Amino acid sequence: MSDPAETYHEELLHWIWDSLYFDPSNLKTTGGQPIAILEKGTPNHSDGPDISNARLRIDGLQWYGDIEFHWSLKDWEKHGHQRNPEYNRVIL
C-alpha cells in the first residue's frame, strides 16, 4: 500500500476536517486520550498553522489554539515547525 502523502495533497486533510467527513466521536490522541471537537476553528490560507482558533477537549481538559495537518508525524520536524514561533499555539 502506498503512503498517502505520496498520493494525496494535504488539502484533502483540510477538507476532511472542515466538512467533518469522519466520525468525530472516536477521535483519540496517539496516547489513547479521547478528543472532542468543540469548535473546528477557522481555516488559515496563509503562512502558519492550517486551522486557527479551534477549541478541543482532550482527556477532559479544554484546549484553545491552532491545528496543523500532516500525513506523517515526521513532517512536523521535517518542516521545522518546532523552531517556528508561528506554531507555538498548535494544540493538535
Protein backbone atom coordinates (compact mmCIF):
# COMPACT_ATOMS: atom_id res chain seq x y z
CA MET A 1 0.00 0.00 0.00
CA SER A 2 1.38 3.43 -0.88
CA ASP A 3 1.99 6.26 1.55
CA PRO A 4 -0.99 8.71 1.47
CA ALA A 5 1.47 11.65 1.43
CA GLU A 6 2.73 10.40 -1.93
CA THR A 7 -0.80 10.19 -3.34
CA TYR A 8 -2.91 12.96 -1.74
CA HIS A 9 -2.24 16.63 -1.09
CA GLU A 10 -2.68 17.95 2.46
CA GLU A 11 -5.65 19.99 1.20
CA LEU A 12 -7.60 16.74 1.44
CA LEU A 13 -6.99 16.75 5.22
CA HIS A 14 -8.27 20.35 5.38
CA TRP A 15 -11.46 19.37 3.55
CA ILE A 16 -11.99 16.29 5.74
CA TRP A 17 -11.63 18.41 8.89
CA ASP A 18 -13.76 21.31 7.68
CA SER A 19 -16.60 19.07 6.50
CA LEU A 20 -16.22 16.67 9.46
CA TYR A 21 -16.10 13.88 6.91
CA PHE A 22 -15.16 11.35 9.59
CA ASP A 23 -16.63 10.05 12.83
CA PRO A 24 -15.54 12.63 15.42
CA SER A 25 -16.90 10.51 18.28
CA ASN A 26 -13.91 8.16 18.05
CA LEU A 27 -11.02 10.65 17.94
CA LYS A 28 -8.07 9.82 20.17
CA THR A 29 -4.55 11.12 20.69
CA THR A 30 -1.61 8.88 19.86
CA GLY A 31 -1.59 8.10 23.60
CA GLY A 32 -5.25 6.99 23.52
CA GLN A 33 -6.85 10.00 25.24
CA PRO A 34 -10.28 10.97 23.84
CA ILE A 35 -10.56 14.16 21.74
CA ALA A 36 -13.83 16.09 21.36
CA ILE A 37 -14.16 18.89 18.80
CA LEU A 38 -15.95 21.79 20.47
CA GLU A 39 -15.17 24.34 17.71
CA LYS A 40 -13.47 23.41 14.42
CA GLY A 41 -11.66 26.74 14.17
CA THR A 42 -11.04 28.85 11.07
CA PRO A 43 -9.06 27.70 8.03
CA ASN A 44 -5.80 29.62 7.57
CA HIS A 45 -4.97 30.18 3.89
CA SER A 46 -1.67 31.92 4.65
CA ASP A 47 1.59 31.01 6.43
CA GLY A 48 1.35 29.27 9.77
CA PRO A 49 -0.86 26.51 11.13
CA ASP A 50 -3.67 25.15 8.96
CA ILE A 51 -6.51 25.97 11.37
CA SER A 52 -6.72 28.92 13.78
CA ASN A 53 -8.70 29.27 16.99
CA ALA A 54 -10.01 25.75 17.44
CA ARG A 55 -11.42 24.54 20.73
CA LEU A 56 -10.99 20.89 21.72
CA ARG A 57 -11.47 18.77 24.80
CA ILE A 58 -8.62 16.32 25.22
CA ASP A 59 -8.97 13.84 28.05
CA GLY A 60 -11.43 16.14 29.83
CA LEU A 61 -9.34 19.33 29.54
CA GLN A 62 -10.34 22.15 27.17
CA TRP A 63 -7.68 23.43 24.78
CA TYR A 64 -7.82 26.59 22.65
CA GLY A 65 -5.38 27.05 19.80
CA ASP A 66 -4.33 26.08 16.31
CA ILE A 67 -4.22 22.83 14.35
CA GLU A 68 -1.58 21.66 11.88
CA PHE A 69 -2.24 18.81 9.45
CA HIS A 70 0.34 16.35 8.15
CA TRP A 71 0.11 12.83 6.78
CA SER A 72 3.07 11.77 8.93
CA LEU A 73 4.28 12.77 12.40
CA LYS A 74 7.79 13.09 10.94
CA ASP A 75 6.66 16.06 8.82
CA TRP A 76 6.42 18.33 11.90
CA GLU A 77 10.20 18.25 12.34
CA LYS A 78 10.89 17.92 8.62
CA HIS A 79 9.09 21.24 8.05
CA GLY A 80 10.84 22.89 11.04
CA HIS A 81 7.64 23.79 12.89
CA GLN A 82 9.30 23.11 16.26
CA ARG A 83 11.61 26.11 15.61
CA ASN A 84 8.95 28.46 14.20
CA PRO A 85 7.14 30.64 16.76
CA GLU A 86 4.06 30.78 14.48
CA TYR A 87 3.40 27.21 15.63
CA ASN A 88 3.60 27.84 19.39
CA ARG A 89 -0.23 27.78 19.68
CA VAL A 90 -0.66 24.38 17.98
CA ILE A 91 -2.74 22.02 20.11
CA LEU A 92 -3.27 19.21 17.58
